[in-house]
PDB file of N, CA and C in Angstrom:
ATOM      1  N   UNK A   1      71.127  75.339 147.393  1.00  0.00           N
ATOM      2  CA  UNK A   1      72.472  75.868 147.403  1.00  0.00           C
ATOM      3  C   UNK A   1      72.755  76.736 146.182  1.00  0.00           C
ATOM      4  N   UNK A   2      72.124  76.476 145.081  1.00  0.00           N
ATOM      5  CA  UNK A   2      72.312  77.299 143.899  1.00  0.00           C
ATOM      6  C   UNK A   2      71.249  78.380 143.883  1.00  0.00           C
ATOM      7  N   UNK A   3      71.653  79.628 143.740  1.00  0.00           N
ATOM      8  CA  UNK A   3      70.619  80.655 143.634  1.00  0.00           C
ATOM      9  C   UNK A   3      69.836  80.451 142.344  1.00  0.00           C
ATOM     10  N   UNK A   4      68.515  80.501 142.428  1.00  0.00           N
ATOM     11  CA  UNK A   4      67.702  80.285 141.248  1.00  0.00           C
ATOM     12  C   UNK A   4      67.915  81.384 140.224  1.00  0.00           C
ATOM     13  N   UNK A   5      67.857  82.628 140.668  1.00  0.00           N
ATOM     14  CA  UNK A   5      68.093  83.747 139.778  1.00  0.00           C
ATOM     15  C   UNK A   5      68.564  84.920 140.600  1.00  0.00           C
ATOM     16  N   UNK A   6      69.689  85.469 140.234  1.00  0.00           N
ATOM     17  CA  UNK A   6      70.221  86.627 140.932  1.00  0.00           C
ATOM     18  C   UNK A   6      70.094  87.807 139.988  1.00  0.00           C
ATOM     19  N   UNK A   7      69.326  88.801 140.375  1.00  0.00           N
ATOM     20  CA  UNK A   7      69.093  89.945 139.515  1.00  0.00           C
ATOM     21  C   UNK A   7      69.777  91.197 140.030  1.00  0.00           C
ATOM     22  N   UNK A   8      70.320  91.153 141.224  1.00  0.00           N
ATOM     23  CA  UNK A   8      70.902  92.334 141.838  1.00  0.00           C
ATOM     24  C   UNK A   8      72.164  91.916 142.587  1.00  0.00           C
ATOM     25  N   UNK A   9      73.239  92.688 142.442  1.00  0.00           N
ATOM     26  CA  UNK A   9      74.497  92.378 143.115  1.00  0.00           C
ATOM     27  C   UNK A   9      74.320  92.194 144.611  1.00  0.00           C
ATOM     28  N   UNK A  10      73.451  92.969 145.208  1.00  0.00           N
ATOM     29  CA  UNK A  10      73.289  92.937 146.658  1.00  0.00           C
ATOM     30  C   UNK A  10      72.778  91.599 147.151  1.00  0.00           C
ATOM     31  N   UNK A  11      72.184  90.795 146.276  1.00  0.00           N
ATOM     32  CA  UNK A  11      71.668  89.498 146.707  1.00  0.00           C
ATOM     33  C   UNK A  11      72.779  88.548 147.126  1.00  0.00           C
ATOM     34  N   UNK A  12      73.999  88.748 146.670  1.00  0.00           N
ATOM     35  CA  UNK A  12      75.102  87.867 147.029  1.00  0.00           C
ATOM     36  C   UNK A  12      75.838  88.328 148.279  1.00  0.00           C
ATOM     37  N   UNK A  13      75.430  89.444 148.878  1.00  0.00           N
ATOM     38  CA  UNK A  13      76.063  89.876 150.111  1.00  0.00           C
ATOM     39  C   UNK A  13      75.675  88.918 151.224  1.00  0.00           C
ATOM     40  N   UNK A  14      76.566  88.710 152.163  1.00  0.00           N
ATOM     41  CA  UNK A  14      76.341  87.683 153.173  1.00  0.00           C
ATOM     42  C   UNK A  14      75.105  87.924 154.031  1.00  0.00           C
ATOM     43  N   UNK A  15      74.725  89.161 154.258  1.00  0.00           N
ATOM     44  CA  UNK A  15      73.558  89.423 155.100  1.00  0.00           C
ATOM     45  C   UNK A  15      72.263  88.988 154.429  1.00  0.00           C
ATOM     46  N   UNK A  16      72.183  89.075 153.113  1.00  0.00           N
ATOM     47  CA  UNK A  16      70.942  88.708 152.432  1.00  0.00           C
ATOM     48  C   UNK A  16      70.968  87.276 151.923  1.00  0.00           C
ATOM     49  N   UNK A  17      72.029  86.894 151.287  1.00  0.00           N
ATOM     50  CA  UNK A  17      72.066  85.575 150.662  1.00  0.00           C
ATOM     51  C   UNK A  17      72.355  84.465 151.660  1.00  0.00           C
ATOM     52  N   UNK A  18      73.362  84.659 152.511  1.00  0.00           N
ATOM     53  CA  UNK A  18      73.740  83.624 153.475  1.00  0.00           C
ATOM     54  C   UNK A  18      73.168  83.886 154.864  1.00  0.00           C
ATOM     55  N   UNK A  19      72.369  84.917 154.995  1.00  0.00           N
ATOM     56  CA  UNK A  19      71.622  85.209 156.233  1.00  0.00           C
ATOM     57  C   UNK A  19      72.491  85.539 157.437  1.00  0.00           C
ATOM     58  N   UNK A  20      73.703  86.056 157.196  1.00  0.00           N
ATOM     59  CA  UNK A  20      74.555  86.514 158.298  1.00  0.00           C
ATOM     60  C   UNK A  20      75.530  87.552 157.751  1.00  0.00           C
ATOM     61  N   UNK A  21      76.261  88.188 158.613  1.00  0.00           N
ATOM     62  CA  UNK A  21      77.220  89.206 158.194  1.00  0.00           C
ATOM     63  C   UNK A  21      78.659  88.716 158.208  1.00  0.00           C
ATOM     64  N   UNK A  22      78.853  87.406 158.218  1.00  0.00           N
ATOM     65  CA  UNK A  22      80.205  86.843 158.298  1.00  0.00           C
ATOM     66  C   UNK A  22      80.968  87.059 157.000  1.00  0.00           C
ATOM     67  N   UNK A  23      82.298  87.069 157.081  1.00  0.00           N
ATOM     68  CA  UNK A  23      83.108  87.253 155.876  1.00  0.00           C
ATOM     69  C   UNK A  23      82.865  86.134 154.859  1.00  0.00           C
ATOM     70  N   UNK A  24      83.051  86.472 153.593  1.00  0.00           N
ATOM     71  CA  UNK A  24      82.890  85.504 152.504  1.00  0.00           C
ATOM     72  C   UNK A  24      84.241  85.209 151.885  1.00  0.00           C
ATOM     73  N   UNK A  25      84.534  83.936 151.696  1.00  0.00           N
ATOM     74  CA  UNK A  25      85.702  83.492 150.949  1.00  0.00           C
ATOM     75  C   UNK A  25      85.207  82.836 149.676  1.00  0.00           C
ATOM     76  N   UNK A  26      85.769  83.242 148.541  1.00  0.00           N
ATOM     77  CA  UNK A  26      85.412  82.654 147.262  1.00  0.00           C
ATOM     78  C   UNK A  26      86.458  81.624 146.864  1.00  0.00           C
ATOM     79  N   UNK A  27      85.997  80.490 146.370  1.00  0.00           N
ATOM     80  CA  UNK A  27      86.913  79.521 145.764  1.00  0.00           C
ATOM     81  C   UNK A  27      86.611  79.517 144.272  1.00  0.00           C
ATOM     82  N   UNK A  28      87.537  80.070 143.501  1.00  0.00           N
ATOM     83  CA  UNK A  28      87.372  80.159 142.053  1.00  0.00           C
ATOM     84  C   UNK A  28      87.846  78.867 141.405  1.00  0.00           C
ATOM     85  N   UNK A  29      87.011  78.307 140.542  1.00  0.00           N
ATOM     86  CA  UNK A  29      87.337  77.019 139.924  1.00  0.00           C
ATOM     87  C   UNK A  29      87.250  75.908 140.949  1.00  0.00           C
ATOM     88  N   UNK A  30      86.130  75.825 141.652  1.00  0.00           N
ATOM     89  CA  UNK A  30      85.997  74.917 142.800  1.00  0.00           C
ATOM     90  C   UNK A  30      85.832  73.451 142.410  1.00  0.00           C
ATOM     91  N   UNK A  31      85.600  73.152 141.141  1.00  0.00           N
ATOM     92  CA  UNK A  31      85.437  71.755 140.742  1.00  0.00           C
ATOM     93  C   UNK A  31      84.282  71.093 141.463  1.00  0.00           C
ATOM     94  N   UNK A  32      84.546  69.986 142.131  1.00  0.00           N
ATOM     95  CA  UNK A  32      83.492  69.245 142.840  1.00  0.00           C
ATOM     96  C   UNK A  32      83.155  69.825 144.203  1.00  0.00           C
ATOM     97  N   UNK A  33      83.883  70.850 144.623  1.00  0.00           N
ATOM     98  CA  UNK A  33      83.542  71.562 145.846  1.00  0.00           C
ATOM     99  C   UNK A  33      84.022  70.939 147.139  1.00  0.00           C
ATOM    100  N   UNK A  34      84.906  69.947 147.074  1.00  0.00           N
ATOM    101  CA  UNK A  34      85.362  69.299 148.306  1.00  0.00           C
ATOM    102  C   UNK A  34      86.064  70.284 149.242  1.00  0.00           C
ATOM    103  N   UNK A  35      86.894  71.141 148.678  1.00  0.00           N
ATOM    104  CA  UNK A  35      87.641  72.105 149.491  1.00  0.00           C
ATOM    105  C   UNK A  35      86.686  73.142 150.085  1.00  0.00           C
ATOM    106  N   UNK A  36      85.731  73.606 149.295  1.00  0.00           N
ATOM    107  CA  UNK A  36      84.744  74.580 149.768  1.00  0.00           C
ATOM    108  C   UNK A  36      83.964  74.013 150.953  1.00  0.00           C
ATOM    109  N   UNK A  37      83.491  72.792 150.823  1.00  0.00           N
ATOM    110  CA  UNK A  37      82.735  72.135 151.890  1.00  0.00           C
ATOM    111  C   UNK A  37      83.631  71.897 153.103  1.00  0.00           C
ATOM    112  N   UNK A  38      84.866  71.480 152.880  1.00  0.00           N
ATOM    113  CA  UNK A  38      85.805  71.256 153.986  1.00  0.00           C
ATOM    114  C   UNK A  38      86.061  72.528 154.778  1.00  0.00           C
ATOM    115  N   UNK A  39      86.258  73.632 154.072  1.00  0.00           N
ATOM    116  CA  UNK A  39      86.458  74.910 154.763  1.00  0.00           C
ATOM    117  C   UNK A  39      85.223  75.305 155.558  1.00  0.00           C
ATOM    118  N   UNK A  40      84.052  75.105 154.970  1.00  0.00           N
ATOM    119  CA  UNK A  40      82.805  75.439 155.665  1.00  0.00           C
ATOM    120  C   UNK A  40      82.653  74.626 156.953  1.00  0.00           C
ATOM    121  N   UNK A  41      83.054  73.369 156.910  1.00  0.00           N
ATOM    122  CA  UNK A  41      83.000  72.522 158.107  1.00  0.00           C
ATOM    123  C   UNK A  41      83.986  72.999 159.172  1.00  0.00           C
ATOM    124  N   UNK A  42      85.181  73.377 158.756  1.00  0.00           N
ATOM    125  CA  UNK A  42      86.235  73.751 159.696  1.00  0.00           C
ATOM    126  C   UNK A  42      86.121  75.174 160.234  1.00  0.00           C
ATOM    127  N   UNK A  43      85.440  76.047 159.500  1.00  0.00           N
ATOM    128  CA  UNK A  43      85.337  77.452 159.900  1.00  0.00           C
ATOM    129  C   UNK A  43      83.870  77.893 159.842  1.00  0.00           C
ATOM    130  N   UNK A  44      83.078  77.481 160.832  1.00  0.00           N
ATOM    131  CA  UNK A  44      81.637  77.731 160.791  1.00  0.00           C
ATOM    132  C   UNK A  44      81.239  79.203 160.907  1.00  0.00           C
ATOM    133  N   UNK A  45      82.160  80.077 161.291  1.00  0.00           N
ATOM    134  CA  UNK A  45      81.831  81.495 161.422  1.00  0.00           C
ATOM    135  C   UNK A  45      82.266  82.301 160.207  1.00  0.00           C
ATOM    136  N   UNK A  46      82.619  81.618 159.145  1.00  0.00           N
ATOM    137  CA  UNK A  46      82.925  82.237 157.853  1.00  0.00           C
ATOM    138  C   UNK A  46      82.011  81.626 156.815  1.00  0.00           C
ATOM    139  N   UNK A  47      81.805  82.348 155.717  1.00  0.00           N
ATOM    140  CA  UNK A  47      81.014  81.847 154.596  1.00  0.00           C
ATOM    141  C   UNK A  47      81.944  81.489 153.442  1.00  0.00           C
ATOM    142  N   UNK A  48      81.558  80.478 152.678  1.00  0.00           N
ATOM    143  CA  UNK A  48      82.365  80.017 151.557  1.00  0.00           C
ATOM    144  C   UNK A  48      81.471  79.820 150.344  1.00  0.00           C
ATOM    145  N   UNK A  49      81.909  80.375 149.223  1.00  0.00           N
ATOM    146  CA  UNK A  49      81.160  80.222 147.980  1.00  0.00           C
ATOM    147  C   UNK A  49      82.105  79.646 146.937  1.00  0.00           C
ATOM    148  N   UNK A  50      81.745  78.470 146.443  1.00  0.00           N
ATOM    149  CA  UNK A  50      82.501  77.836 145.371  1.00  0.00           C
ATOM    150  C   UNK A  50      81.950  78.292 144.032  1.00  0.00           C
ATOM    151  N   UNK A  51      82.841  78.672 143.135  1.00  0.00           N
ATOM    152  CA  UNK A  51      82.438  79.167 141.821  1.00  0.00           C
ATOM    153  C   UNK A  51      83.098  78.313 140.749  1.00  0.00           C
ATOM    154  N   UNK A  52      82.290  77.873 139.808  1.00  0.00           N
ATOM    155  CA  UNK A  52      82.802  77.086 138.691  1.00  0.00           C
ATOM    156  C   UNK A  52      81.835  77.231 137.524  1.00  0.00           C
ATOM    157  N   UNK A  53      82.331  76.992 136.332  1.00  0.00           N
ATOM    158  CA  UNK A  53      81.486  77.063 135.143  1.00  0.00           C
ATOM    159  C   UNK A  53      80.732  75.761 134.903  1.00  0.00           C
ATOM    160  N   UNK A  54      81.224  74.670 135.456  1.00  0.00           N
ATOM    161  CA  UNK A  54      80.634  73.346 135.229  1.00  0.00           C
ATOM    162  C   UNK A  54      79.680  72.977 136.368  1.00  0.00           C
ATOM    163  N   UNK A  55      78.402  73.122 136.119  1.00  0.00           N
ATOM    164  CA  UNK A  55      77.403  72.809 137.134  1.00  0.00           C
ATOM    165  C   UNK A  55      77.387  71.350 137.539  1.00  0.00           C
ATOM    166  N   UNK A  56      77.660  70.459 136.596  1.00  0.00           N
ATOM    167  CA  UNK A  56      77.649  69.025 136.909  1.00  0.00           C
ATOM    168  C   UNK A  56      78.730  68.672 137.925  1.00  0.00           C
ATOM    169  N   UNK A  57      79.870  69.354 137.861  1.00  0.00           N
ATOM    170  CA  UNK A  57      80.936  69.108 138.840  1.00  0.00           C
ATOM    171  C   UNK A  57      80.534  69.630 140.211  1.00  0.00           C
ATOM    172  N   UNK A  58      79.995  70.839 140.257  1.00  0.00           N
ATOM    173  CA  UNK A  58      79.643  71.465 141.527  1.00  0.00           C
ATOM    174  C   UNK A  58      78.507  70.738 142.237  1.00  0.00           C
ATOM    175  N   UNK A  59      77.726  69.997 141.499  1.00  0.00           N
ATOM    176  CA  UNK A  59      76.585  69.294 142.081  1.00  0.00           C
ATOM    177  C   UNK A  59      77.017  68.459 143.282  1.00  0.00           C
ATOM    178  N   UNK A  60      78.144  67.789 143.197  1.00  0.00           N
ATOM    179  CA  UNK A  60      78.630  66.940 144.289  1.00  0.00           C
ATOM    180  C   UNK A  60      78.810  67.761 145.557  1.00  0.00           C
ATOM    181  N   UNK A  61      79.502  68.888 145.474  1.00  0.00           N
ATOM    182  CA  UNK A  61      79.723  69.732 146.645  1.00  0.00           C
ATOM    183  C   UNK A  61      78.429  70.314 147.186  1.00  0.00           C
ATOM    184  N   UNK A  62      77.552  70.741 146.294  1.00  0.00           N
ATOM    185  CA  UNK A  62      76.267  71.302 146.720  1.00  0.00           C
ATOM    186  C   UNK A  62      75.427  70.248 147.430  1.00  0.00           C
ATOM    187  N   UNK A  63      75.436  69.031 146.922  1.00  0.00           N
ATOM    188  CA  UNK A  63      74.674  67.952 147.552  1.00  0.00           C
ATOM    189  C   UNK A  63      75.245  67.637 148.931  1.00  0.00           C
ATOM    190  N   UNK A  64      76.568  67.560 149.026  1.00  0.00           N
ATOM    191  CA  UNK A  64      77.212  67.286 150.315  1.00  0.00           C
ATOM    192  C   UNK A  64      76.886  68.386 151.322  1.00  0.00           C
ATOM    193  N   UNK A  65      77.002  69.646 150.905  1.00  0.00           N
ATOM    194  CA  UNK A  65      76.698  70.761 151.796  1.00  0.00           C
ATOM    195  C   UNK A  65      75.238  70.724 152.233  1.00  0.00           C
ATOM    196  N   UNK A  66      74.360  70.391 151.317  1.00  0.00           N
ATOM    197  CA  UNK A  66      72.935  70.298 151.632  1.00  0.00           C
ATOM    198  C   UNK A  66      72.657  69.136 152.588  1.00  0.00           C
ATOM    199  N   UNK A  67      73.266  67.982 152.329  1.00  0.00           N
ATOM    200  CA  UNK A  67      73.094  66.813 153.196  1.00  0.00           C
ATOM    201  C   UNK A  67      73.585  67.092 154.617  1.00  0.00           C
ATOM    202  N   UNK A  68      74.690  67.852 154.711  1.00  0.00           N
ATOM    203  CA  UNK A  68      75.267  68.175 156.021  1.00  0.00           C
ATOM    204  C   UNK A  68      74.611  69.406 156.654  1.00  0.00           C
ATOM    205  N   UNK A  69      73.670  69.995 155.941  1.00  0.00           N
ATOM    206  CA  UNK A  69      72.952  71.188 156.423  1.00  0.00           C
ATOM    207  C   UNK A  69      73.904  72.316 156.815  1.00  0.00           C
ATOM    208  N   UNK A  70      74.878  72.563 155.964  1.00  0.00           N
ATOM    209  CA  UNK A  70      75.854  73.621 156.217  1.00  0.00           C
ATOM    210  C   UNK A  70      75.251  74.966 155.811  1.00  0.00           C
ATOM    211  N   UNK A  71      75.075  75.874 156.759  1.00  0.00           N
ATOM    212  CA  UNK A  71      74.456  77.163 156.443  1.00  0.00           C
ATOM    213  C   UNK A  71      75.433  78.187 155.875  1.00  0.00           C
ATOM    214  N   UNK A  72      76.720  77.852 155.854  1.00  0.00           N
ATOM    215  CA  UNK A  72      77.745  78.822 155.487  1.00  0.00           C
ATOM    216  C   UNK A  72      78.453  78.495 154.178  1.00  0.00           C
ATOM    217  N   UNK A  73      77.804  77.733 153.325  1.00  0.00           N
ATOM    218  CA  UNK A  73      78.416  77.380 152.048  1.00  0.00           C
ATOM    219  C   UNK A  73      77.376  77.490 150.945  1.00  0.00           C
ATOM    220  N   UNK A  74      77.830  77.944 149.785  1.00  0.00           N
ATOM    221  CA  UNK A  74      76.965  78.054 148.616  1.00  0.00           C
ATOM    222  C   UNK A  74      77.822  77.845 147.375  1.00  0.00           C
ATOM    223  N   UNK A  75      77.168  77.620 146.263  1.00  0.00           N
ATOM    224  CA  UNK A  75      77.853  77.435 144.993  1.00  0.00           C
ATOM    225  C   UNK A  75      77.191  78.302 143.938  1.00  0.00           C
ATOM    226  N   UNK A  76      78.011  78.811 143.042  1.00  0.00           N
ATOM    227  CA  UNK A  76      77.541  79.691 141.984  1.00  0.00           C
ATOM    228  C   UNK A  76      78.134  79.231 140.664  1.00  0.00           C
ATOM    229  N   UNK A  77      77.266  78.981 139.713  1.00  0.00           N
ATOM    230  CA  UNK A  77      77.725  78.584 138.384  1.00  0.00           C
ATOM    231  C   UNK A  77      77.812  79.824 137.508  1.00  0.00           C
ATOM    232  N   UNK A  78      79.025  80.205 137.174  1.00  0.00           N
ATOM    233  CA  UNK A  78      79.265  81.344 136.296  1.00  0.00           C
ATOM    234  C   UNK A  78      80.700  81.290 135.805  1.00  0.00           C
ATOM    235  N   UNK A  79      80.985  82.084 134.817  1.00  0.00           N
ATOM    236  CA  UNK A  79      82.364  82.241 134.351  1.00  0.00           C
ATOM    237  C   UNK A  79      83.062  83.200 135.314  1.00  0.00           C
ATOM    238  N   UNK A  80      84.300  82.922 135.635  1.00  0.00           N
ATOM    239  CA  UNK A  80      85.035  83.736 136.608  1.00  0.00           C
ATOM    240  C   UNK A  80      85.099  85.198 136.190  1.00  0.00           C
ATOM    241  N   UNK A  81      85.214  85.456 134.904  1.00  0.00           N
ATOM    242  CA  UNK A  81      85.312  86.852 134.468  1.00  0.00           C
ATOM    243  C   UNK A  81      84.015  87.635 134.685  1.00  0.00           C
ATOM    244  N   UNK A  82      82.937  86.957 135.073  1.00  0.00           N
ATOM    245  CA  UNK A  82      81.668  87.632 135.332  1.00  0.00           C
ATOM    246  C   UNK A  82      81.368  87.819 136.823  1.00  0.00           C
ATOM    247  N   UNK A  83      82.297  87.477 137.715  1.00  0.00           N
ATOM    248  CA  UNK A  83      81.967  87.541 139.139  1.00  0.00           C
ATOM    249  C   UNK A  83      81.692  88.956 139.629  1.00  0.00           C
ATOM    250  N   UNK A  84      82.199  89.972 138.938  1.00  0.00           N
ATOM    251  CA  UNK A  84      81.876  91.344 139.340  1.00  0.00           C
ATOM    252  C   UNK A  84      80.386  91.607 139.248  1.00  0.00           C
ATOM    253  N   UNK A  85      79.679  90.839 138.452  1.00  0.00           N
ATOM    254  CA  UNK A  85      78.221  90.997 138.355  1.00  0.00           C
ATOM    255  C   UNK A  85      77.518  90.544 139.627  1.00  0.00           C
ATOM    256  N   UNK A  86      78.196  89.752 140.458  1.00  0.00           N
ATOM    257  CA  UNK A  86      77.594  89.192 141.661  1.00  0.00           C
ATOM    258  C   UNK A  86      78.198  89.720 142.953  1.00  0.00           C
ATOM    259  N   UNK A  87      79.435  90.199 142.886  1.00  0.00           N
ATOM    260  CA  UNK A  87      80.168  90.607 144.079  1.00  0.00           C
ATOM    261  C   UNK A  87      80.750  91.998 143.891  1.00  0.00           C
ATOM    262  N   UNK A  88      81.369  92.480 144.929  1.00  0.00           N
ATOM    263  CA  UNK A  88      82.149  93.719 144.917  1.00  0.00           C
ATOM    264  C   UNK A  88      81.309  94.966 144.705  1.00  0.00           C
ATOM    265  N   UNK A  89      80.026  94.944 145.043  1.00  0.00           N
ATOM    266  CA  UNK A  89      79.169  96.106 144.842  1.00  0.00           C
ATOM    267  C   UNK A  89      79.567  97.283 145.721  1.00  0.00           C
ATOM    268  N   UNK A  90      80.303  97.024 146.784  1.00  0.00           N
ATOM    269  CA  UNK A  90      80.683  98.129 147.694  1.00  0.00           C
ATOM    270  C   UNK A  90      82.113  98.601 147.489  1.00  0.00           C
ATOM    271  N   UNK A  91      82.801  98.085 146.494  1.00  0.00           N
ATOM    272  CA  UNK A  91      84.161  98.536 146.245  1.00  0.00           C
ATOM    273  C   UNK A  91      84.128  99.916 145.611  1.00  0.00           C
ATOM    274  N   UNK A  92      85.143 100.724 145.892  1.00  0.00           N
ATOM    275  CA  UNK A  92      85.223 102.059 145.300  1.00  0.00           C
ATOM    276  C   UNK A  92      85.251 101.956 143.790  1.00  0.00           C
ATOM    277  N   UNK A  93      84.537 102.845 143.151  1.00  0.00           N
ATOM    278  CA  UNK A  93      84.550 102.903 141.694  1.00  0.00           C
ATOM    279  C   UNK A  93      83.659 101.873 141.024  1.00  0.00           C
ATOM    280  N   UNK A  94      82.903 101.116 141.778  1.00  0.00           N
ATOM    281  CA  UNK A  94      82.045 100.084 141.183  1.00  0.00           C
ATOM    282  C   UNK A  94      80.627 100.577 141.152  1.00  0.00           C
TER     283      UNK A  94
END
């Protein structure tokens, strides 16, 4: 569930990283990831990525998503102010 190393913004696009072209919803400050996992369960045709700086907290959500074999959920450990490094590569002016 955690990307080992992301070197290119395009790796976080849903077609490459989550293996589909479905929309992505980000949960900023996801904590233990309960809400992220819940959304993934309820909306299987959307992708959900929980973002938090504390990897130990996110571990719970990542483990639950992995145990449930949810293909539409992922977690990313980073500071919120750095998310442009992973997303928004197709926005104008980026």
